Amino acid sequence: MRQRPTAIGYLRRDVSGMSWEWHEVRIRGMARRFGYDLADTVAAGSEADRSLPRLLELVRGMDVDAVITPSLVHLGGELPDDLLRLCEINTFEPEATYAARTPMRWEGYR
C-alpha cells in the first residue's frame, strides 16, 4: 500500500523546446509541493496524435493519482476527458488543478 498519492510528469519536448529541462525541474517541484511521490516524468516527442494514448496507458498501468504537465498545450490544448476520468491534472503555466471526474482514493489527504 502506498503512503502518499503518486503522480507522473508529462511534457512534449517539441512544445517545451529548449525549456524542457526546466519544465522537468518544475514538475518535480510541483509534485513535492503538492505531496505527491513522483513516479516518473515522461518526455514525449512530436507525435502528438500518439502521445496522449500512450499517456493514458501509463496512467492506467501505474495507477497514478495525478499528471503534472507544464500546460494544457502539452495535452493537445484542451482537457482530455479520458485522462480526467482516471486522475487529476496539474499545470504550472498557468498554475491550475483540474479535478478528476471520479472519486479520488486520497480524498482529504492534502
C-alpha atoms as a PDB file:
ATOM      1  CA  MET A   1       0.000   0.000   0.000  1.00  0.00           C
ATOM      2  CA  ARG A   2       1.302   3.451  -0.909  1.00  0.00           C
ATOM      3  CA  GLN A   3       1.992   6.006   1.778  1.00  0.00           C
ATOM      4  CA  ARG A   4       1.279   9.050  -0.396  1.00  0.00           C
ATOM      5  CA  PRO A   5      -0.541   9.737  -3.652  1.00  0.00           C
ATOM      6  CA  THR A   6       1.511   9.202  -6.792  1.00  0.00           C
ATOM      7  CA  ALA A   7       1.943  11.418  -9.841  1.00  0.00           C
ATOM      8  CA  ILE A   8       3.751  11.259 -13.130  1.00  0.00           C
ATOM      9  CA  GLY A   9       5.118  14.223 -15.007  1.00  0.00           C
ATOM     10  CA  TYR A  10       4.370  14.653 -18.684  1.00  0.00           C
ATOM     11  CA  LEU A  11       5.737  17.023 -21.275  1.00  0.00           C
ATOM     12  CA  ARG A  12       6.223  17.173 -25.009  1.00  0.00           C
ATOM     13  CA  ARG A  13       9.720  18.216 -25.972  1.00  0.00           C
ATOM     14  CA  ASP A  14       8.505  19.849 -29.184  1.00  0.00           C
ATOM     15  CA  VAL A  15       6.238  22.118 -27.100  1.00  0.00           C
ATOM     16  CA  SER A  16       8.782  22.792 -24.334  1.00  0.00           C
ATOM     17  CA  GLY A  17      11.563  23.461 -26.822  1.00  0.00           C
ATOM     18  CA  MET A  18      14.769  24.491 -25.105  1.00  0.00           C
ATOM     19  CA  SER A  19      12.920  24.777 -21.778  1.00  0.00           C
ATOM     20  CA  TRP A  20      12.244  21.060 -21.441  1.00  0.00           C
ATOM     21  CA  GLU A  21      14.861  20.523 -18.702  1.00  0.00           C
ATOM     22  CA  TRP A  22      13.499  23.482 -16.723  1.00  0.00           C
ATOM     23  CA  HIS A  23       9.986  22.081 -17.152  1.00  0.00           C
ATOM     24  CA  GLU A  24      11.174  18.782 -15.657  1.00  0.00           C
ATOM     25  CA  VAL A  25      12.559  20.675 -12.646  1.00  0.00           C
ATOM     26  CA  ARG A  26       9.248  22.497 -12.215  1.00  0.00           C
ATOM     27  CA  ILE A  27       7.309  19.231 -12.456  1.00  0.00           C
ATOM     28  CA  ARG A  28       9.421  17.757  -9.647  1.00  0.00           C
ATOM     29  CA  GLY A  29       8.899  20.888  -7.549  1.00  0.00           C
ATOM     30  CA  MET A  30       5.138  20.878  -8.032  1.00  0.00           C
ATOM     31  CA  ALA A  31       4.948  17.192  -7.113  1.00  0.00           C
ATOM     32  CA  ARG A  32       6.905  17.820  -3.926  1.00  0.00           C
ATOM     33  CA  ARG A  33       4.835  20.895  -3.030  1.00  0.00           C
ATOM     34  CA  PHE A  34       1.535  19.048  -3.565  1.00  0.00           C
ATOM     35  CA  GLY A  35       2.695  15.997  -1.575  1.00  0.00           C
ATOM     36  CA  TYR A  36       2.967  13.524  -4.446  1.00  0.00           C
ATOM     37  CA  ASP A  37       5.510  10.794  -4.911  1.00  0.00           C
ATOM     38  CA  LEU A  38       6.708  11.457  -8.461  1.00  0.00           C
ATOM     39  CA  ALA A  39       6.955   8.039 -10.078  1.00  0.00           C
ATOM     40  CA  ASP A  40       8.384   9.202 -13.412  1.00  0.00           C
ATOM     41  CA  THR A  41       8.467  12.053 -15.915  1.00  0.00           C
ATOM     42  CA  VAL A  42       7.623  11.192 -19.495  1.00  0.00           C
ATOM     43  CA  ALA A  43       9.119  13.406 -22.206  1.00  0.00           C
ATOM     44  CA  ALA A  44       7.264  12.663 -25.434  1.00  0.00           C
ATOM     45  CA  GLY A  45       8.333  13.636 -28.910  1.00  0.00           C
ATOM     46  CA  SER A  46       6.368  15.452 -31.577  1.00  0.00           C
ATOM     47  CA  GLU A  47       3.973  12.611 -32.363  1.00  0.00           C
ATOM     48  CA  ALA A  48       1.061  14.357 -30.611  1.00  0.00           C
ATOM     49  CA  ASP A  49      -1.576  12.045 -32.081  1.00  0.00           C
ATOM     50  CA  ARG A  50       0.071   9.031 -30.414  1.00  0.00           C
ATOM     51  CA  SER A  51       1.435  10.573 -27.221  1.00  0.00           C
ATOM     52  CA  LEU A  52      -1.898  11.008 -25.391  1.00  0.00           C
ATOM     53  CA  PRO A  53      -2.966   7.353 -25.841  1.00  0.00           C
ATOM     54  CA  ARG A  54       0.459   6.324 -24.517  1.00  0.00           C
ATOM     55  CA  LEU A  55      -0.003   8.617 -21.514  1.00  0.00           C
ATOM     56  CA  LEU A  56      -3.407   7.043 -20.804  1.00  0.00           C
ATOM     57  CA  GLU A  57      -1.815   3.578 -20.870  1.00  0.00           C
ATOM     58  CA  LEU A  58       0.848   4.711 -18.403  1.00  0.00           C
ATOM     59  CA  VAL A  59      -1.675   6.277 -16.034  1.00  0.00           C
ATOM     60  CA  ARG A  60      -3.754   3.098 -16.043  1.00  0.00           C
ATOM     61  CA  GLY A  61      -0.746   0.806 -15.716  1.00  0.00           C
ATOM     62  CA  MET A  62       0.951   2.789 -12.951  1.00  0.00           C
ATOM     63  CA  ASP A  63      -2.316   3.593 -11.154  1.00  0.00           C
ATOM     64  CA  VAL A  64      -1.325   7.227 -10.550  1.00  0.00           C
ATOM     65  CA  ASP A  65      -3.435   9.873  -8.870  1.00  0.00           C
ATOM     66  CA  ALA A  66      -2.267  12.868 -10.923  1.00  0.00           C
ATOM     67  CA  VAL A  67      -0.448  14.001 -14.037  1.00  0.00           C
ATOM     68  CA  ILE A  68       1.688  17.128 -13.758  1.00  0.00           C
ATOM     69  CA  THR A  69       2.358  18.950 -17.020  1.00  0.00           C
ATOM     70  CA  PRO A  70       3.607  22.451 -17.851  1.00  0.00           C
ATOM     71  CA  SER A  71       0.385  23.461 -19.629  1.00  0.00           C
ATOM     72  CA  LEU A  72      -2.617  22.037 -21.420  1.00  0.00           C
ATOM     73  CA  VAL A  73      -0.796  22.620 -24.716  1.00  0.00           C
ATOM     74  CA  HIS A  74       1.269  19.528 -23.842  1.00  0.00           C
ATOM     75  CA  LEU A  75      -2.002  17.557 -23.759  1.00  0.00           C
ATOM     76  CA  GLY A  76      -3.237  18.849 -27.103  1.00  0.00           C
ATOM     77  CA  GLY A  77      -4.554  22.215 -25.908  1.00  0.00           C
ATOM     78  CA  GLU A  78      -7.623  21.083 -24.010  1.00  0.00           C
ATOM     79  CA  LEU A  79      -8.612  18.936 -21.054  1.00  0.00           C
ATOM     80  CA  PRO A  80      -8.682  15.308 -22.176  1.00  0.00           C
ATOM     81  CA  ASP A  81     -11.827  13.688 -20.752  1.00  0.00           C
ATOM     82  CA  ASP A  82     -10.288  10.210 -20.885  1.00  0.00           C
ATOM     83  CA  LEU A  83      -7.436  11.357 -18.654  1.00  0.00           C
ATOM     84  CA  LEU A  84      -9.704  13.210 -16.222  1.00  0.00           C
ATOM     85  CA  ARG A  85     -11.693  10.021 -15.726  1.00  0.00           C
ATOM     86  CA  LEU A  86      -8.510   8.445 -14.351  1.00  0.00           C
ATOM     87  CA  CYS A  87      -6.726  11.171 -12.388  1.00  0.00           C
ATOM     88  CA  GLU A  88      -6.382  14.879 -11.735  1.00  0.00           C
ATOM     89  CA  ILE A  89      -4.274  17.131 -13.945  1.00  0.00           C
ATOM     90  CA  ASN A  90      -1.968  19.830 -12.565  1.00  0.00           C
ATOM     91  CA  THR A  91      -0.360  22.568 -14.670  1.00  0.00           C
ATOM     92  CA  PHE A  92       2.026  25.390 -13.800  1.00  0.00           C
ATOM     93  CA  GLU A  93       1.641  27.622 -16.881  1.00  0.00           C
ATOM     94  CA  PRO A  94      -0.825  28.810 -15.569  1.00  0.00           C
ATOM     95  CA  GLU A  95      -0.929  27.075 -12.200  1.00  0.00           C
ATOM     96  CA  ALA A  96      -4.166  25.119 -12.085  1.00  0.00           C
ATOM     97  CA  THR A  97      -5.601  21.863 -10.805  1.00  0.00           C
ATOM     98  CA  TYR A  98      -8.284  20.071 -12.773  1.00  0.00           C
ATOM     99  CA  ALA A  99     -10.071  17.586 -10.533  1.00  0.00           C
ATOM    100  CA  ALA A 100     -10.566  14.014 -11.623  1.00  0.00           C
ATOM    101  CA  ARG A 101     -14.090  13.167 -12.631  1.00  0.00           C
ATOM    102  CA  THR A 102     -14.063  10.069 -10.432  1.00  0.00           C
ATOM    103  CA  PRO A 103     -13.693   9.945  -6.645  1.00  0.00           C
ATOM    104  CA  MET A 104     -10.066  10.200  -5.528  1.00  0.00           C
ATOM    105  CA  ARG A 105      -8.692   7.495  -3.284  1.00  0.00           C
ATOM    106  CA  TRP A 106      -6.730  10.061  -1.289  1.00  0.00           C
ATOM    107  CA  GLU A 107      -9.603  12.399  -0.512  1.00  0.00           C
ATOM    108  CA  GLY A 108      -8.749  14.579   2.452  1.00  0.00           C
ATOM    109  CA  TYR A 109      -5.044  13.712   2.327  1.00  0.00           C
ATOM    110  CA  ARG A 110      -3.751  17.176   1.461  1.00  0.00           C
END
